[in-house]
C-alpha atoms as a PDB file:
ATOM      1  CA  UNK A   1      26.674 -34.294 -11.180  1.00  0.00           C
ATOM      2  CA  UNK A   2      28.314 -34.847 -14.521  1.00  0.00           C
ATOM      3  CA  UNK A   3      31.431 -36.373 -12.955  1.00  0.00           C
ATOM      4  CA  UNK A   4      32.108 -38.089 -16.938  1.00  0.00           C
ATOM      5  CA  UNK A   5      31.574 -34.922 -18.793  1.00  0.00           C
ATOM      6  CA  UNK A   6      33.214 -35.834 -21.817  1.00  0.00           C
ATOM      7  CA  UNK A   7      32.325 -39.342 -21.197  1.00  0.00           C
ATOM      8  CA  UNK A   8      35.396 -40.789 -20.777  1.00  0.00           C
ATOM      9  CA  UNK A   9      34.436 -44.718 -21.137  1.00  0.00           C
ATOM     10  CA  UNK A  10      37.719 -46.079 -19.867  1.00  0.00           C
ATOM     11  CA  UNK A  11      37.859 -43.912 -16.408  1.00  0.00           C
ATOM     12  CA  UNK A  12      33.945 -45.291 -16.476  1.00  0.00           C
ATOM     13  CA  UNK A  13      34.412 -48.260 -16.904  1.00  0.00           C
ATOM     14  CA  UNK A  14      37.638 -48.680 -13.851  1.00  0.00           C
ATOM     15  CA  UNK A  15      35.208 -46.465 -11.252  1.00  0.00           C
ATOM     16  CA  UNK A  16      32.519 -49.551 -11.928  1.00  0.00           C
ATOM     17  CA  UNK A  17      34.713 -51.585  -9.802  1.00  0.00           C
ATOM     18  CA  UNK A  18      33.951 -49.372  -6.899  1.00  0.00           C
ATOM     19  CA  UNK A  19      30.173 -48.343  -6.981  1.00  0.00           C
ATOM     20  CA  UNK A  20      28.699 -51.314  -5.091  1.00  0.00           C
ATOM     21  CA  UNK A  21      31.074 -51.105  -2.329  1.00  0.00           C
ATOM     22  CA  UNK A  22      30.575 -47.050  -1.927  1.00  0.00           C
ATOM     23  CA  UNK A  23      26.786 -47.781  -1.990  1.00  0.00           C
ATOM     24  CA  UNK A  24      27.302 -50.034   1.059  1.00  0.00           C
ATOM     25  CA  UNK A  25      29.345 -47.703   2.661  1.00  0.00           C
ATOM     26  CA  UNK A  26      27.384 -44.692   1.949  1.00  0.00           C
ATOM     27  CA  UNK A  27      24.082 -46.246   3.271  1.00  0.00           C
ATOM     28  CA  UNK A  28      26.079 -47.609   6.182  1.00  0.00           C
ATOM     29  CA  UNK A  29      26.771 -43.859   6.594  1.00  0.00           C
ATOM     30  CA  UNK A  30      23.243 -42.995   6.129  1.00  0.00           C
ATOM     31  CA  UNK A  31      21.617 -45.484   8.720  1.00  0.00           C
ATOM     32  CA  UNK A  32      24.278 -44.483  11.244  1.00  0.00           C
ATOM     33  CA  UNK A  33      22.494 -40.764  10.992  1.00  0.00           C
ATOM     34  CA  UNK A  34      19.044 -41.702  11.104  1.00  0.00           C
ATOM     35  CA  UNK A  35      18.279 -40.628  14.239  1.00  0.00           C
ATOM     36  CA  UNK A  36      17.863 -36.884  14.229  1.00  0.00           C
ATOM     37  CA  UNK A  37      19.749 -35.080  16.841  1.00  0.00           C
ATOM     38  CA  UNK A  38      18.109 -32.533  18.666  1.00  0.00           C
ATOM     39  CA  UNK A  39      18.801 -29.378  20.513  1.00  0.00           C
ATOM     40  CA  UNK A  40      18.840 -29.585  24.053  1.00  0.00           C
ATOM     41  CA  UNK A  41      16.356 -28.482  25.766  1.00  0.00           C
ATOM     42  CA  UNK A  42      16.042 -24.814  26.391  1.00  0.00           C
ATOM     43  CA  UNK A  43      13.505 -22.678  28.429  1.00  0.00           C
ATOM     44  CA  UNK A  44      13.124 -20.447  25.110  1.00  0.00           C
ATOM     45  CA  UNK A  45      11.428 -21.620  22.202  1.00  0.00           C
ATOM     46  CA  UNK A  46      11.811 -21.414  19.367  1.00  0.00           C
ATOM     47  CA  UNK A  47      10.000 -21.543  15.806  1.00  0.00           C
ATOM     48  CA  UNK A  48      12.919 -22.474  13.456  1.00  0.00           C
ATOM     49  CA  UNK A  49      14.887 -25.492  13.584  1.00  0.00           C
ATOM     50  CA  UNK A  50      17.534 -26.276  15.745  1.00  0.00           C
ATOM     51  CA  UNK A  51      21.234 -26.304  14.214  1.00  0.00           C
ATOM     52  CA  UNK A  52      22.036 -29.791  14.820  1.00  0.00           C
ATOM     53  CA  UNK A  53      18.602 -30.961  13.208  1.00  0.00           C
ATOM     54  CA  UNK A  54      19.274 -28.880   9.945  1.00  0.00           C
ATOM     55  CA  UNK A  55      23.003 -30.554   9.868  1.00  0.00           C
ATOM     56  CA  UNK A  56      21.471 -33.554  10.283  1.00  0.00           C
ATOM     57  CA  UNK A  57      18.615 -33.508   7.390  1.00  0.00           C
ATOM     58  CA  UNK A  58      21.502 -31.558   5.289  1.00  0.00           C
ATOM     59  CA  UNK A  59      24.265 -35.008   5.529  1.00  0.00           C
ATOM     60  CA  UNK A  60      21.160 -37.371   4.952  1.00  0.00           C
ATOM     61  CA  UNK A  61      20.371 -35.466   1.700  1.00  0.00           C
ATOM     62  CA  UNK A  62      23.548 -35.163   0.507  1.00  0.00           C
ATOM     63  CA  UNK A  63      24.491 -38.944   1.185  1.00  0.00           C
ATOM     64  CA  UNK A  64      21.249 -39.641  -0.462  1.00  0.00           C
ATOM     65  CA  UNK A  65      22.018 -37.702  -3.488  1.00  0.00           C
ATOM     66  CA  UNK A  66      25.633 -39.696  -3.897  1.00  0.00           C
ATOM     67  CA  UNK A  67      23.668 -43.331  -3.659  1.00  0.00           C
ATOM     68  CA  UNK A  68      21.279 -42.409  -6.090  1.00  0.00           C
ATOM     69  CA  UNK A  69      24.171 -40.636  -8.789  1.00  0.00           C
ATOM     70  CA  UNK A  70      25.904 -43.808  -8.112  1.00  0.00           C
ATOM     71  CA  UNK A  71      23.027 -46.365  -8.507  1.00  0.00           C
ATOM     72  CA  UNK A  72      22.140 -43.825 -12.217  1.00  0.00           C
ATOM     73  CA  UNK A  73      25.949 -44.888 -13.054  1.00  0.00           C
ATOM     74  CA  UNK A  74      25.214 -48.650 -12.173  1.00  0.00           C
ATOM     75  CA  UNK A  75      21.765 -48.540 -14.099  1.00  0.00           C
ATOM     76  CA  UNK A  76      23.695 -46.572 -17.517  1.00  0.00           C
ATOM     77  CA  UNK A  77      26.560 -49.120 -16.956  1.00  0.00           C
ATOM     78  CA  UNK A  78      24.020 -51.937 -17.519  1.00  0.00           C
ATOM     79  CA  UNK A  79      22.317 -50.585 -20.281  1.00  0.00           C
ATOM     80  CA  UNK A  80      25.386 -50.139 -22.422  1.00  0.00           C
ATOM     81  CA  UNK A  81      26.803 -53.800 -21.158  1.00  0.00           C
ATOM     82  CA  UNK A  82      23.220 -54.933 -22.719  1.00  0.00           C
ATOM     83  CA  UNK A  83      23.599 -53.005 -25.633  1.00  0.00           C
ATOM     84  CA  UNK A  84      26.962 -54.280 -27.233  1.00  0.00           C
ATOM     85  CA  UNK A  85      27.842 -57.219 -28.957  1.00  0.00           C
ATOM     86  CA  UNK A  86      29.289 -60.241 -26.914  1.00  0.00           C
ATOM     87  CA  UNK A  87      32.259 -60.075 -28.842  1.00  0.00           C
ATOM     88  CA  UNK A  88      32.668 -56.482 -27.212  1.00  0.00           C
ATOM     89  CA  UNK A  89      31.898 -57.350 -23.657  1.00  0.00           C
ATOM     90  CA  UNK A  90      34.696 -60.142 -23.575  1.00  0.00           C
ATOM     91  CA  UNK A  91      36.957 -57.727 -25.251  1.00  0.00           C
ATOM     92  CA  UNK A  92      35.977 -55.229 -21.748  1.00  0.00           C
ATOM     93  CA  UNK A  93      35.723 -57.840 -19.419  1.00  0.00           C
ATOM     94  CA  UNK A  94      38.982 -59.092 -20.706  1.00  0.00           C
ATOM     95  CA  UNK A  95      40.683 -55.868 -19.974  1.00  0.00           C
ATOM     96  CA  UNK A  96      39.084 -54.116 -16.855  1.00  0.00           C
ATOM     97  CA  UNK A  97      37.165 -56.798 -15.286  1.00  0.00           C
ATOM     98  CA  UNK A  98      39.791 -60.044 -15.828  1.00  0.00           C
ATOM     99  CA  UNK A  99      41.202 -61.046 -12.045  1.00  0.00           C
ATOM    100  CA  UNK A 100      44.380 -62.446 -13.990  1.00  0.00           C
ATOM    101  CA  UNK A 101      45.317 -59.183 -15.356  1.00  0.00           C
ATOM    102  CA  UNK A 102      45.149 -57.411 -19.050  1.00  0.00           C
ATOM    103  CA  UNK A 103      48.600 -59.460 -19.654  1.00  0.00           C
ATOM    104  CA  UNK A 104      47.251 -62.858 -19.160  1.00  0.00           C
ATOM    105  CA  UNK A 105      43.748 -61.581 -21.401  1.00  0.00           C
ATOM    106  CA  UNK A 106      45.723 -60.390 -24.527  1.00  0.00           C
ATOM    107  CA  UNK A 107      48.486 -63.142 -24.482  1.00  0.00           C
ATOM    108  CA  UNK A 108      45.285 -65.816 -24.648  1.00  0.00           C
ATOM    109  CA  UNK A 109      43.898 -63.642 -26.917  1.00  0.00           C
ATOM    110  CA  UNK A 110      46.626 -63.301 -29.479  1.00  0.00           C
ATOM    111  CA  UNK A 111      46.782 -67.694 -29.241  1.00  0.00           C
ATOM    112  CA  UNK A 112      43.159 -68.014 -29.526  1.00  0.00           C
ATOM    113  CA  UNK A 113      42.319 -65.567 -32.818  1.00  0.00           C
ATOM    114  CA  UNK A 114      45.846 -66.206 -34.234  1.00  0.00           C
ATOM    115  CA  UNK A 115      47.258 -62.494 -33.985  1.00  0.00           C
ATOM    116  CA  UNK A 116      48.967 -59.934 -32.525  1.00  0.00           C
ATOM    117  CA  UNK A 117      48.663 -57.162 -29.704  1.00  0.00           C
ATOM    118  CA  UNK A 118      48.126 -54.451 -32.346  1.00  0.00           C
ATOM    119  CA  UNK A 119      44.636 -56.261 -33.174  1.00  0.00           C
ATOM    120  CA  UNK A 120      43.990 -57.029 -29.710  1.00  0.00           C
ATOM    121  CA  UNK A 121      44.398 -53.409 -28.797  1.00  0.00           C
ATOM    122  CA  UNK A 122      42.622 -52.117 -32.169  1.00  0.00           C
ATOM    123  CA  UNK A 123      39.446 -54.511 -31.094  1.00  0.00           C
ATOM    124  CA  UNK A 124      39.710 -53.057 -27.550  1.00  0.00           C
ATOM    125  CA  UNK A 125      39.721 -49.239 -28.383  1.00  0.00           C
ATOM    126  CA  UNK A 126      36.384 -50.567 -30.917  1.00  0.00           C
ATOM    127  CA  UNK A 127      34.576 -52.220 -27.964  1.00  0.00           C
ATOM    128  CA  UNK A 128      35.344 -48.945 -25.396  1.00  0.00           C
ATOM    129  CA  UNK A 129      34.265 -46.892 -27.836  1.00  0.00           C
ATOM    130  CA  UNK A 130      30.465 -49.120 -28.481  1.00  0.00           C
ATOM    131  CA  UNK A 131      30.359 -49.088 -25.038  1.00  0.00           C
ATOM    132  CA  UNK A 132      31.064 -45.380 -24.927  1.00  0.00           C
ATOM    133  CA  UNK A 133      28.241 -44.889 -27.971  1.00  0.00           C
ATOM    134  CA  UNK A 134      25.866 -46.647 -25.692  1.00  0.00           C
ATOM    135  CA  UNK A 135      26.058 -44.769 -22.568  1.00  0.00           C
ATOM    136  CA  UNK A 136      25.868 -41.370 -24.893  1.00  0.00           C
ATOM    137  CA  UNK A 137      22.473 -43.308 -25.898  1.00  0.00           C
ATOM    138  CA  UNK A 138      21.532 -43.904 -22.645  1.00  0.00           C
ATOM    139  CA  UNK A 139      22.764 -40.123 -21.180  1.00  0.00           C
ATOM    140  CA  UNK A 140      20.597 -38.762 -23.985  1.00  0.00           C
ATOM    141  CA  UNK A 141      17.789 -40.288 -22.750  1.00  0.00           C
ATOM    142  CA  UNK A 142      17.983 -39.244 -19.552  1.00  0.00           C
ATOM    143  CA  UNK A 143      18.173 -35.762 -20.312  1.00  0.00           C
ATOM    144  CA  UNK A 144      22.246 -35.490 -20.446  1.00  0.00           C
ATOM    145  CA  UNK A 145      22.544 -36.375 -16.724  1.00  0.00           C
ATOM    146  CA  UNK A 146      25.194 -38.930 -15.755  1.00  0.00           C
END
C-alpha cells in the first residue's frame, strides 16, 4: 500500500491528475462484475463455494481495495492542500495543474515578481517541501499508510 514510500511529493502531485478518472473506471468495473457468477447446476451438492463465485468475490475485494486506496490519496491531498499557504498553492498550481504549461507560468511569475528563474524554481522547491511535510503529518495521523 505504501506506493509513495518516501513521500515523493512531486510524483504524488503528478499522479493526482488521474485519481478521479481511475476511481470512476474502477467503479464501472466493480459494477460490471456485481452479479455473482454461479456454477452450473450439477447433481452433486457441495458445501464449498464455487470457483467462479470465489473469483468474483476476490475481484470485487481487489477493486474495492484499489478504490479505497485512491480515496485515501485524495484525502491526503486535500489535507495537505488546505494546510499550505496560498503562495505555495499558487506555485503548485503553476507547475503541476496549469493547462498553459509550467514554461508560461514561470515567465508570468518572473514578470509579476520582477525576478528570475532561479528564484521561481527555489520557491517551487519550497512549495513542494511544504506540501510534502503536510502529507507526512497526515500520514502519521493515519498510522503511516499512504
